[in-house]
Each structure stands twice: as C-alpha cells, then as structure tokens.
Amino acid sequence: MEKEHLTNLFDNKGYLLNYKNWNKKIAINIAVKESIVMTKKHWEIVHFIRTFYIKFKITPSIRLLITTINHKKKKKITSQCLFILFPKGAAKQASKIAGVPKPNNCL
C-alpha cells in the first residue's frame, strides 16, 4: 500500500509532482535510483535548489544555479564541479533529488 502511494507522488520521469511532499527519505530514495551517494556537497546543492524554488517558484538552470551560489555563498563552484556531483546532468538530477520540477531548458 505504501509503495503504491509513493508511486502516485511522481511523474513518469521520476520527478515529484508536488515539491511539498519532499523529505530527506524521498530524496535519498531518488538519489539511489540515480546512482548517487549523497554527501554534504550534494545536500548543499539540493537544499539550495529547494530554497531557490520555494522563493521564486522556478527551478534554476545550471547557469543561474552557479551564478547564485557563487554570489550568495561566496564560493567558487563550476559546472565541472556540479557534473562530478551529478554526472547525468546537474540540473536534471539535482532538481529531481530536490523534489522540484525539471528546469524548463532541460530536454
């Protein structure tokens, strides 16, 4: 029963239908399906994407994500860093794990 309920939470691509249903357990399950072992760096990106989405109601593109993180966190992050963390596409995988919609510019 619980497994059936969980499948109703996702679209056919594995993205949560409602970002409010997200929790850490769901994020870890998505990460496992994406072959990602979550580290502190992964969680930082995931939480940043969630915060951005909740505030602006838009999922950040890679360029916007990098620009905003570098500005707000005073860190230097590159697209290569994100690709190492999320090798199948940082915007798509990180957004999926964060429980927010896929960015519009992702295929």
PDB file of N, CA and C in Angstrom:
ATOM      1  N   MET A   1       0.834  -1.202   0.000  1.00  0.00           N
ATOM      2  CA  MET A   1       0.000   0.000   0.000  1.00  0.00           C
ATOM      3  C   MET A   1       0.871   1.254   0.000  1.00  0.00           C
ATOM      4  N   GLU A   2       1.870   1.306   0.887  1.00  0.00           N
ATOM      5  CA  GLU A   2       2.727   2.487   0.959  1.00  0.00           C
ATOM      6  C   GLU A   2       3.490   2.684  -0.346  1.00  0.00           C
ATOM      7  N   LYS A   3       3.967   1.582  -0.942  1.00  0.00           N
ATOM      8  CA  LYS A   3       4.705   1.688  -2.203  1.00  0.00           C
ATOM      9  C   LYS A   3       3.805   2.243  -3.305  1.00  0.00           C
ATOM     10  N   GLU A   4       2.541   1.804  -3.341  1.00  0.00           N
ATOM     11  CA  GLU A   4       1.591   2.322  -4.334  1.00  0.00           C
ATOM     12  C   GLU A   4       1.378   3.820  -4.123  1.00  0.00           C
ATOM     13  N   HIS A   5       1.262   4.229  -2.865  1.00  0.00           N
ATOM     14  CA  HIS A   5       1.088   5.650  -2.553  1.00  0.00           C
ATOM     15  C   HIS A   5       2.297   6.453  -3.032  1.00  0.00           C
ATOM     16  N   LEU A   6       3.497   5.926  -2.829  1.00  0.00           N
ATOM     17  CA  LEU A   6       4.705   6.637  -3.248  1.00  0.00           C
ATOM     18  C   LEU A   6       4.774   6.798  -4.752  1.00  0.00           C
ATOM     19  N   THR A   7       4.338   5.795  -5.512  1.00  0.00           N
ATOM     20  CA  THR A   7       4.401   5.914  -6.968  1.00  0.00           C
ATOM     21  C   THR A   7       3.450   6.989  -7.470  1.00  0.00           C
ATOM     22  N   ASN A   8       2.391   7.270  -6.734  1.00  0.00           N
ATOM     23  CA  ASN A   8       1.461   8.332  -7.123  1.00  0.00           C
ATOM     24  C   ASN A   8       2.034   9.724  -6.883  1.00  0.00           C
ATOM     25  N   LEU A   9       3.155   9.805  -6.206  1.00  0.00           N
ATOM     26  CA  LEU A   9       3.781  11.092  -5.913  1.00  0.00           C
ATOM     27  C   LEU A   9       4.652  11.599  -7.063  1.00  0.00           C
ATOM     28  N   PHE A  10       4.976  10.721  -8.019  1.00  0.00           N
ATOM     29  CA  PHE A  10       5.952  11.038  -9.053  1.00  0.00           C
ATOM     30  C   PHE A  10       5.338  11.039 -10.451  1.00  0.00           C
ATOM     31  N   ASP A  11       5.939  11.830 -11.360  1.00  0.00           N
ATOM     32  CA  ASP A  11       5.540  11.773 -12.758  1.00  0.00           C
ATOM     33  C   ASP A  11       6.262  10.601 -13.428  1.00  0.00           C
ATOM     34  N   ASN A  12       6.066  10.427 -14.716  1.00  0.00           N
ATOM     35  CA  ASN A  12       6.662   9.286 -15.412  1.00  0.00           C
ATOM     36  C   ASN A  12       8.175   9.391 -15.589  1.00  0.00           C
ATOM     37  N   LYS A  13       8.755  10.546 -15.284  1.00  0.00           N
ATOM     38  CA  LYS A  13      10.210  10.732 -15.360  1.00  0.00           C
ATOM     39  C   LYS A  13      10.878  10.638 -13.985  1.00  0.00           C
ATOM     40  N   GLY A  14      10.080  10.454 -12.928  1.00  0.00           N
ATOM     41  CA  GLY A  14      10.633  10.309 -11.585  1.00  0.00           C
ATOM     42  C   GLY A  14      10.713  11.592 -10.774  1.00  0.00           C
ATOM     43  N   TYR A  15      10.099  12.672 -11.274  1.00  0.00           N
ATOM     44  CA  TYR A  15      10.077  13.935 -10.536  1.00  0.00           C
ATOM     45  C   TYR A  15       8.850  13.980  -9.644  1.00  0.00           C
ATOM     46  N   LEU A  16       9.008  14.547  -8.453  1.00  0.00           N
ATOM     47  CA  LEU A  16       7.861  14.708  -7.566  1.00  0.00           C
ATOM     48  C   LEU A  16       6.823  15.607  -8.227  1.00  0.00           C
ATOM     49  N   LEU A  17       5.575  15.238  -8.077  1.00  0.00           N
ATOM     50  CA  LEU A  17       4.501  16.053  -8.644  1.00  0.00           C
ATOM     51  C   LEU A  17       4.249  17.303  -7.808  1.00  0.00           C
ATOM     52  N   ASN A  18       4.530  17.242  -6.520  1.00  0.00           N
ATOM     53  CA  ASN A  18       4.329  18.381  -5.621  1.00  0.00           C
ATOM     54  C   ASN A  18       5.549  18.497  -4.717  1.00  0.00           C
ATOM     55  N   TYR A  19       6.276  19.592  -4.825  1.00  0.00           N
ATOM     56  CA  TYR A  19       7.503  19.773  -4.048  1.00  0.00           C
ATOM     57  C   TYR A  19       7.259  19.708  -2.541  1.00  0.00           C
ATOM     58  N   LYS A  20       6.034  19.948  -2.097  1.00  0.00           N
ATOM     59  CA  LYS A  20       5.722  19.917  -0.670  1.00  0.00           C
ATOM     60  C   LYS A  20       5.741  18.503  -0.094  1.00  0.00           C
ATOM     61  N   ASN A  21       5.706  17.492  -0.949  1.00  0.00           N
ATOM     62  CA  ASN A  21       5.758  16.102  -0.490  1.00  0.00           C
ATOM     63  C   ASN A  21       7.185  15.624  -0.237  1.00  0.00           C
ATOM     64  N   TRP A  22       8.162  16.467  -0.494  1.00  0.00           N
ATOM     65  CA  TRP A  22       9.571  16.101  -0.377  1.00  0.00           C
ATOM     66  C   TRP A  22       9.981  15.938   1.083  1.00  0.00           C
ATOM     67  N   ASN A  23      10.849  14.987   1.315  1.00  0.00           N
ATOM     68  CA  ASN A  23      11.534  14.851   2.600  1.00  0.00           C
ATOM     69  C   ASN A  23      12.868  14.149   2.335  1.00  0.00           C
ATOM     70  N   LYS A  24      13.686  14.065   3.359  1.00  0.00           N
ATOM     71  CA  LYS A  24      15.025  13.506   3.190  1.00  0.00           C
ATOM     72  C   LYS A  24      14.975  12.044   2.735  1.00  0.00           C
ATOM     73  N   LYS A  25      14.029  11.282   3.253  1.00  0.00           N
ATOM     74  CA  LYS A  25      13.918   9.874   2.871  1.00  0.00           C
ATOM     75  C   LYS A  25      13.605   9.738   1.378  1.00  0.00           C
ATOM     76  N   ILE A  26      12.688  10.554   0.897  1.00  0.00           N
ATOM     77  CA  ILE A  26      12.361  10.541  -0.528  1.00  0.00           C
ATOM     78  C   ILE A  26      13.585  10.949  -1.344  1.00  0.00           C
ATOM     79  N   ALA A  27      14.299  11.967  -0.896  1.00  0.00           N
ATOM     80  CA  ALA A  27      15.493  12.427  -1.609  1.00  0.00           C
ATOM     81  C   ALA A  27      16.536  11.313  -1.705  1.00  0.00           C
ATOM     82  N   ILE A  28      16.737  10.604  -0.618  1.00  0.00           N
ATOM     83  CA  ILE A  28      17.718   9.511  -0.617  1.00  0.00           C
ATOM     84  C   ILE A  28      17.273   8.402  -1.569  1.00  0.00           C
ATOM     85  N   ASN A  29      15.989   8.089  -1.576  1.00  0.00           N
ATOM     86  CA  ASN A  29      15.479   7.057  -2.496  1.00  0.00           C
ATOM     87  C   ASN A  29      15.682   7.468  -3.953  1.00  0.00           C
ATOM     88  N   ILE A  30      15.423   8.738  -4.249  1.00  0.00           N
ATOM     89  CA  ILE A  30      15.644   9.229  -5.619  1.00  0.00           C
ATOM     90  C   ILE A  30      17.129   9.146  -5.958  1.00  0.00           C
ATOM     91  N   ALA A  31      17.982   9.566  -5.033  1.00  0.00           N
ATOM     92  CA  ALA A  31      19.431   9.534  -5.261  1.00  0.00           C
ATOM     93  C   ALA A  31      19.908   8.109  -5.542  1.00  0.00           C
ATOM     94  N   VAL A  32      19.408   7.147  -4.786  1.00  0.00           N
ATOM     95  CA  VAL A  32      19.788   5.752  -5.015  1.00  0.00           C
ATOM     96  C   VAL A  32      19.399   5.329  -6.424  1.00  0.00           C
ATOM     97  N   LYS A  33      18.197   5.693  -6.861  1.00  0.00           N
ATOM     98  CA  LYS A  33      17.756   5.355  -8.225  1.00  0.00           C
ATOM     99  C   LYS A  33      18.635   6.033  -9.272  1.00  0.00           C
ATOM    100  N   GLU A  34      19.195   7.184  -8.918  1.00  0.00           N
ATOM    101  CA  GLU A  34      20.071   7.928  -9.827  1.00  0.00           C
ATOM    102  C   GLU A  34      21.541   7.520  -9.676  1.00  0.00           C
ATOM    103  N   SER A  35      21.813   6.519  -8.840  1.00  0.00           N
ATOM    104  CA  SER A  35      23.178   6.023  -8.574  1.00  0.00           C
ATOM    105  C   SER A  35      24.076   7.086  -7.961  1.00  0.00           C
ATOM    106  N   ILE A  36      23.505   7.873  -7.061  1.00  0.00           N
ATOM    107  CA  ILE A  36      24.259   8.922  -6.367  1.00  0.00           C
ATOM    108  C   ILE A  36      24.264   8.630  -4.875  1.00  0.00           C
ATOM    109  N   VAL A  37      25.453   8.664  -4.297  1.00  0.00           N
ATOM    110  CA  VAL A  37      25.602   8.556  -2.846  1.00  0.00           C
ATOM    111  C   VAL A  37      25.707   9.984  -2.324  1.00  0.00           C
ATOM    112  N   MET A  38      24.724  10.382  -1.547  1.00  0.00           N
ATOM    113  CA  MET A  38      24.656  11.773  -1.093  1.00  0.00           C
ATOM    114  C   MET A  38      25.760  12.100  -0.091  1.00  0.00           C
ATOM    115  N   THR A  39      26.453  13.213  -0.379  1.00  0.00           N
ATOM    116  CA  THR A  39      27.474  13.738   0.523  1.00  0.00           C
ATOM    117  C   THR A  39      27.023  15.125   0.987  1.00  0.00           C
ATOM    118  N   LYS A  40      27.809  15.732   1.831  1.00  0.00           N
ATOM    119  CA  LYS A  40      27.491  17.085   2.296  1.00  0.00           C
ATOM    120  C   LYS A  40      27.364  18.056   1.114  1.00  0.00           C
ATOM    121  N   LYS A  41      28.240  17.918   0.134  1.00  0.00           N
ATOM    122  CA  LYS A  41      28.190  18.801  -1.043  1.00  0.00           C
ATOM    123  C   LYS A  41      26.906  18.602  -1.842  1.00  0.00           C
ATOM    124  N   HIS A  42      26.488  17.340  -1.992  1.00  0.00           N
ATOM    125  CA  HIS A  42      25.224  17.064  -2.683  1.00  0.00           C
ATOM    126  C   HIS A  42      24.064  17.740  -1.950  1.00  0.00           C
ATOM    127  N   TRP A  43      24.027  17.564  -0.628  1.00  0.00           N
ATOM    128  CA  TRP A  43      22.928  18.135   0.163  1.00  0.00           C
ATOM    129  C   TRP A  43      22.915  19.662   0.064  1.00  0.00           C
ATOM    130  N   GLU A  44      24.093  20.282   0.044  1.00  0.00           N
ATOM    131  CA  GLU A  44      24.152  21.742  -0.083  1.00  0.00           C
ATOM    132  C   GLU A  44      23.476  22.193  -1.377  1.00  0.00           C
ATOM    133  N   ILE A  45      23.774  21.511  -2.465  1.00  0.00           N
ATOM    134  CA  ILE A  45      23.179  21.868  -3.763  1.00  0.00           C
ATOM    135  C   ILE A  45      21.679  21.603  -3.741  1.00  0.00           C
ATOM    136  N   VAL A  46      21.280  20.452  -3.234  1.00  0.00           N
ATOM    137  CA  VAL A  46      19.857  20.086  -3.181  1.00  0.00           C
ATOM    138  C   VAL A  46      19.072  21.095  -2.340  1.00  0.00           C
ATOM    139  N   HIS A  47      19.587  21.437  -1.170  1.00  0.00           N
ATOM    140  CA  HIS A  47      18.880  22.401  -0.318  1.00  0.00           C
ATOM    141  C   HIS A  47      18.855  23.795  -0.947  1.00  0.00           C
ATOM    142  N   PHE A  48      19.929  24.152  -1.626  1.00  0.00           N
ATOM    143  CA  PHE A  48      19.961  25.439  -2.309  1.00  0.00           C
ATOM    144  C   PHE A  48      18.895  25.497  -3.400  1.00  0.00           C
ATOM    145  N   ILE A  49      18.782  24.433  -4.186  1.00  0.00           N
ATOM    146  CA  ILE A  49      17.772  24.387  -5.254  1.00  0.00           C
ATOM    147  C   ILE A  49      16.372  24.465  -4.663  1.00  0.00           C
ATOM    148  N   ARG A  50      16.133  23.736  -3.575  1.00  0.00           N
ATOM    149  CA  ARG A  50      14.800  23.771  -2.935  1.00  0.00           C
ATOM    150  C   ARG A  50      14.473  25.178  -2.439  1.00  0.00           C
ATOM    151  N   THR A  51      15.415  25.806  -1.776  1.00  0.00           N
ATOM    152  CA  THR A  51      15.198  27.151  -1.251  1.00  0.00           C
ATOM    153  C   THR A  51      14.917  28.126  -2.394  1.00  0.00           C
ATOM    154  N   PHE A  52      15.682  28.019  -3.458  1.00  0.00           N
ATOM    155  CA  PHE A  52      15.500  28.877  -4.628  1.00  0.00           C
ATOM    156  C   PHE A  52      14.104  28.665  -5.218  1.00  0.00           C
ATOM    157  N   TYR A  53      13.715  27.404  -5.386  1.00  0.00           N
ATOM    158  CA  TYR A  53      12.410  27.096  -5.970  1.00  0.00           C
ATOM    159  C   TYR A  53      11.265  27.616  -5.097  1.00  0.00           C
ATOM    160  N   ILE A  54      11.368  27.395  -3.807  1.00  0.00           N
ATOM    161  CA  ILE A  54      10.311  27.846  -2.892  1.00  0.00           C
ATOM    162  C   ILE A  54      10.180  29.368  -2.925  1.00  0.00           C
ATOM    163  N   LYS A  55      11.297  30.059  -3.032  1.00  0.00           N
ATOM    164  CA  LYS A  55      11.267  31.526  -3.038  1.00  0.00           C
ATOM    165  C   LYS A  55      10.779  32.096  -4.374  1.00  0.00           C
ATOM    166  N   PHE A  56      11.264  31.544  -5.487  1.00  0.00           N
ATOM    167  CA  PHE A  56      10.988  32.142  -6.795  1.00  0.00           C
ATOM    168  C   PHE A  56      10.009  31.343  -7.668  1.00  0.00           C
ATOM    169  N   LYS A  57       9.642  30.139  -7.238  1.00  0.00           N
ATOM    170  CA  LYS A  57       8.728  29.258  -7.995  1.00  0.00           C
ATOM    171  C   LYS A  57       9.260  28.930  -9.383  1.00  0.00           C
ATOM    172  N   ILE A  58      10.568  28.816  -9.472  1.00  0.00           N
ATOM    173  CA  ILE A  58      11.227  28.415 -10.712  1.00  0.00           C
ATOM    174  C   ILE A  58      12.440  27.569 -10.335  1.00  0.00           C
ATOM    175  N   THR A  59      12.672  26.535 -11.117  1.00  0.00           N
ATOM    176  CA  THR A  59      13.845  25.698 -10.898  1.00  0.00           C
ATOM    177  C   THR A  59      15.026  26.348 -11.610  1.00  0.00           C
ATOM    178  N   PRO A  60      16.129  26.576 -10.899  1.00  0.00           N
ATOM    179  CA  PRO A  60      17.252  27.270 -11.534  1.00  0.00           C
ATOM    180  C   PRO A  60      17.948  26.417 -12.590  1.00  0.00           C
ATOM    181  N   SER A  61      18.330  27.067 -13.681  1.00  0.00           N
ATOM    182  CA  SER A  61      19.166  26.423 -14.693  1.00  0.00           C
ATOM    183  C   SER A  61      20.574  26.296 -14.107  1.00  0.00           C
ATOM    184  N   ILE A  62      21.428  25.576 -14.791  1.00  0.00           N
ATOM    185  CA  ILE A  62      22.814  25.429 -14.315  1.00  0.00           C
ATOM    186  C   ILE A  62      23.485  26.789 -14.199  1.00  0.00           C
ATOM    187  N   ARG A  63      23.345  27.612 -15.220  1.00  0.00           N
ATOM    188  CA  ARG A  63      23.985  28.932 -15.198  1.00  0.00           C
ATOM    189  C   ARG A  63      23.480  29.767 -14.017  1.00  0.00           C
ATOM    190  N   LEU A  64      22.172  29.787 -13.823  1.00  0.00           N
ATOM    191  CA  LEU A  64      21.587  30.534 -12.714  1.00  0.00           C
ATOM    192  C   LEU A  64      22.006  29.949 -11.371  1.00  0.00           C
ATOM    193  N   LEU A  65      22.055  28.637 -11.286  1.00  0.00           N
ATOM    194  CA  LEU A  65      22.470  27.967 -10.057  1.00  0.00           C
ATOM    195  C   LEU A  65      23.904  28.345  -9.686  1.00  0.00           C
ATOM    196  N   ILE A  66      24.801  28.250 -10.650  1.00  0.00           N
ATOM    197  CA  ILE A  66      26.208  28.574 -10.408  1.00  0.00           C
ATOM    198  C   ILE A  66      26.368  30.041 -10.033  1.00  0.00           C
ATOM    199  N   THR A  67      25.739  30.923 -10.784  1.00  0.00           N
ATOM    200  CA  THR A  67      25.841  32.357 -10.518  1.00  0.00           C
ATOM    201  C   THR A  67      25.322  32.700  -9.124  1.00  0.00           C
ATOM    202  N   THR A  68      24.180  32.155  -8.765  1.00  0.00           N
ATOM    203  CA  THR A  68      23.569  32.468  -7.475  1.00  0.00           C
ATOM    204  C   THR A  68      24.373  31.892  -6.322  1.00  0.00           C
ATOM    205  N   ILE A  69      24.829  30.654  -6.454  1.00  0.00           N
ATOM    206  CA  ILE A  69      25.646  30.058  -5.388  1.00  0.00           C
ATOM    207  C   ILE A  69      26.929  30.847  -5.211  1.00  0.00           C
ATOM    208  N   ASN A  70      27.597  31.168  -6.294  1.00  0.00           N
ATOM    209  CA  ASN A  70      28.855  31.910  -6.206  1.00  0.00           C
ATOM    210  C   ASN A  70      28.651  33.291  -5.578  1.00  0.00           C
ATOM    211  N   HIS A  71      27.525  33.896  -5.848  1.00  0.00           N
ATOM    212  CA  HIS A  71      27.236  35.216  -5.280  1.00  0.00           C
ATOM    213  C   HIS A  71      26.842  35.122  -3.806  1.00  0.00           C
ATOM    214  N   LYS A  72      25.909  34.242  -3.493  1.00  0.00           N
ATOM    215  CA  LYS A  72      25.375  34.155  -2.125  1.00  0.00           C
ATOM    216  C   LYS A  72      26.329  33.478  -1.158  1.00  0.00           C
ATOM    217  N   LYS A  73      26.986  32.426  -1.593  1.00  0.00           N
ATOM    218  CA  LYS A  73      27.826  31.630  -0.698  1.00  0.00           C
ATOM    219  C   LYS A  73      29.283  32.076  -0.699  1.00  0.00           C
ATOM    220  N   LYS A  74      29.609  33.007  -1.555  1.00  0.00           N
ATOM    221  CA  LYS A  74      30.992  33.464  -1.672  1.00  0.00           C
ATOM    222  C   LYS A  74      31.946  32.296  -1.925  1.00  0.00           C
ATOM    223  N   LYS A  75      31.429  31.295  -2.652  1.00  0.00           N
ATOM    224  CA  LYS A  75      32.229  30.141  -3.033  1.00  0.00           C
ATOM    225  C   LYS A  75      32.417  30.164  -4.532  1.00  0.00           C
ATOM    226  N   LYS A  76      33.394  29.440  -4.992  1.00  0.00           N
ATOM    227  CA  LYS A  76      33.603  29.301  -6.429  1.00  0.00           C
ATOM    228  C   LYS A  76      33.197  27.887  -6.810  1.00  0.00           C
ATOM    229  N   ILE A  77      32.052  27.773  -7.464  1.00  0.00           N
ATOM    230  CA  ILE A  77      31.595  26.477  -7.962  1.00  0.00           C
ATOM    231  C   ILE A  77      31.513  26.583  -9.475  1.00  0.00           C
ATOM    232  N   THR A  78      31.857  25.514 -10.145  1.00  0.00           N
ATOM    233  CA  THR A  78      31.857  25.499 -11.608  1.00  0.00           C
ATOM    234  C   THR A  78      30.891  24.427 -12.111  1.00  0.00           C
ATOM    235  N   SER A  79      30.616  24.474 -13.390  1.00  0.00           N
ATOM    236  CA  SER A  79      29.762  23.450 -13.980  1.00  0.00           C
ATOM    237  C   SER A  79      30.443  22.085 -13.891  1.00  0.00           C
ATOM    238  N   GLN A  80      31.777  22.057 -13.940  1.00  0.00           N
ATOM    239  CA  GLN A  80      32.502  20.800 -13.804  1.00  0.00           C
ATOM    240  C   GLN A  80      32.300  20.195 -12.419  1.00  0.00           C
ATOM    241  N   CYS A  81      32.305  21.041 -11.391  1.00  0.00           N
ATOM    242  CA  CYS A  81      32.049  20.568 -10.019  1.00  0.00           C
ATOM    243  C   CYS A  81      30.666  19.931  -9.932  1.00  0.00           C
ATOM    244  N   LEU A  82      29.680  20.590 -10.515  1.00  0.00           N
ATOM    245  CA  LEU A  82      28.311  20.073 -10.490  1.00  0.00           C
ATOM    246  C   LEU A  82      28.203  18.773 -11.279  1.00  0.00           C
ATOM    247  N   PHE A  83      28.930  18.686 -12.392  1.00  0.00           N
ATOM    248  CA  PHE A  83      28.897  17.474 -13.202  1.00  0.00           C
ATOM    249  C   PHE A  83      29.506  16.291 -12.453  1.00  0.00           C
ATOM    250  N   ILE A  84      30.521  16.549 -11.657  1.00  0.00           N
ATOM    251  CA  ILE A  84      31.124  15.480 -10.851  1.00  0.00           C
ATOM    252  C   ILE A  84      30.113  14.980  -9.813  1.00  0.00           C
ATOM    253  N   LEU A  85      29.379  15.908  -9.213  1.00  0.00           N
ATOM    254  CA  LEU A  85      28.382  15.529  -8.207  1.00  0.00           C
ATOM    255  C   LEU A  85      27.164  14.851  -8.834  1.00  0.00           C
ATOM    256  N   PHE A  86      26.741  15.354  -9.986  1.00  0.00           N
ATOM    257  CA  PHE A  86      25.517  14.867 -10.655  1.00  0.00           C
ATOM    258  C   PHE A  86      25.863  14.550 -12.116  1.00  0.00           C
ATOM    259  N   PRO A  87      26.484  13.392 -12.365  1.00  0.00           N
ATOM    260  CA  PRO A  87      27.043  13.092 -13.685  1.00  0.00           C
ATOM    261  C   PRO A  87      26.045  12.924 -14.831  1.00  0.00           C
ATOM    262  N   LYS A  88      24.781  12.685 -14.545  1.00  0.00           N
ATOM    263  CA  LYS A  88      23.798  12.533 -15.625  1.00  0.00           C
ATOM    264  C   LYS A  88      23.130  13.855 -15.980  1.00  0.00           C
ATOM    265  N   GLY A  89      23.671  14.939 -15.465  1.00  0.00           N
ATOM    266  CA  GLY A  89      23.108  16.257 -15.730  1.00  0.00           C
ATOM    267  C   GLY A  89      22.736  16.922 -14.421  1.00  0.00           C
ATOM    268  N   ALA A  90      23.508  17.890 -14.043  1.00  0.00           N
ATOM    269  CA  ALA A  90      23.334  18.508 -12.725  1.00  0.00           C
ATOM    270  C   ALA A  90      21.946  19.092 -12.525  1.00  0.00           C
ATOM    271  N   ALA A  91      21.458  19.818 -13.505  1.00  0.00           N
ATOM    272  CA  ALA A  91      20.147  20.449 -13.327  1.00  0.00           C
ATOM    273  C   ALA A  91      19.061  19.389 -13.179  1.00  0.00           C
ATOM    274  N   LYS A  92      19.106  18.376 -14.040  1.00  0.00           N
ATOM    275  CA  LYS A  92      18.071  17.347 -14.007  1.00  0.00           C
ATOM    276  C   LYS A  92      18.166  16.487 -12.749  1.00  0.00           C
ATOM    277  N   GLN A  93      19.338  15.966 -12.446  1.00  0.00           N
ATOM    278  CA  GLN A  93      19.465  15.077 -11.292  1.00  0.00           C
ATOM    279  C   GLN A  93      19.297  15.818  -9.970  1.00  0.00           C
ATOM    280  N   ALA A  94      19.934  16.958  -9.824  1.00  0.00           N
ATOM    281  CA  ALA A  94      19.840  17.699  -8.564  1.00  0.00           C
ATOM    282  C   ALA A  94      18.407  18.162  -8.322  1.00  0.00           C
ATOM    283  N   SER A  95      17.739  18.608  -9.363  1.00  0.00           N
ATOM    284  CA  SER A  95      16.351  19.049  -9.228  1.00  0.00           C
ATOM    285  C   SER A  95      15.446  17.879  -8.851  1.00  0.00           C
ATOM    286  N   LYS A  96      15.694  16.735  -9.457  1.00  0.00           N
ATOM    287  CA  LYS A  96      14.895  15.547  -9.159  1.00  0.00           C
ATOM    288  C   LYS A  96      15.063  15.168  -7.691  1.00  0.00           C
ATOM    289  N   ILE A  97      16.301  15.138  -7.216  1.00  0.00           N
ATOM    290  CA  ILE A  97      16.565  14.791  -5.816  1.00  0.00           C
ATOM    291  C   ILE A  97      15.995  15.859  -4.886  1.00  0.00           C
ATOM    292  N   ALA A  98      16.021  17.117  -5.323  1.00  0.00           N
ATOM    293  CA  ALA A  98      15.487  18.222  -4.514  1.00  0.00           C
ATOM    294  C   ALA A  98      13.967  18.246  -4.495  1.00  0.00           C
ATOM    295  N   GLY A  99      13.358  17.441  -5.340  1.00  0.00           N
ATOM    296  CA  GLY A  99      11.896  17.356  -5.338  1.00  0.00           C
ATOM    297  C   GLY A  99      11.193  18.510  -6.014  1.00  0.00           C
ATOM    298  N   VAL A 100      11.905  19.175  -6.920  1.00  0.00           N
ATOM    299  CA  VAL A 100      11.309  20.296  -7.646  1.00  0.00           C
ATOM    300  C   VAL A 100      11.238  19.935  -9.130  1.00  0.00           C
ATOM    301  N   PRO A 101      10.438  20.666  -9.901  1.00  0.00           N
ATOM    302  CA  PRO A 101      10.311  20.339 -11.330  1.00  0.00           C
ATOM    303  C   PRO A 101      11.627  20.463 -12.083  1.00  0.00           C
ATOM    304  N   LYS A 102      11.734  19.698 -13.143  1.00  0.00           N
ATOM    305  CA  LYS A 102      12.905  19.770 -14.024  1.00  0.00           C
ATOM    306  C   LYS A 102      12.964  21.166 -14.620  1.00  0.00           C
ATOM    307  N   PRO A 103      14.137  21.768 -14.709  1.00  0.00           N
ATOM    308  CA  PRO A 103      14.250  23.089 -15.339  1.00  0.00           C
ATOM    309  C   PRO A 103      13.686  23.066 -16.752  1.00  0.00           C
ATOM    310  N   ASN A 104      13.076  24.150 -17.168  1.00  0.00           N
ATOM    311  CA  ASN A 104      12.445  24.230 -18.482  1.00  0.00           C
ATOM    312  C   ASN A 104      13.403  24.002 -19.634  1.00  0.00           C
ATOM    313  N   ASN A 105      14.657  24.393 -19.452  1.00  0.00           N
ATOM    314  CA  ASN A 105      15.606  24.266 -20.553  1.00  0.00           C
ATOM    315  C   ASN A 105      16.290  22.905 -20.629  1.00  0.00           C
ATOM    316  N   CYS A 106      15.869  21.953 -19.791  1.00  0.00           N
ATOM    317  CA  CYS A 106      16.411  20.583 -19.872  1.00  0.00           C
ATOM    318  C   CYS A 106      15.568  19.761 -20.814  1.00  0.00           C
ATOM    319  N   LEU A 107      16.212  18.945 -21.611  1.00  0.00           N
ATOM    320  CA  LEU A 107      15.488  18.074 -22.553  1.00  0.00           C
ATOM    321  C   LEU A 107      15.073  16.793 -21.886  1.00  0.00           C
TER     322      LEU A 107
END
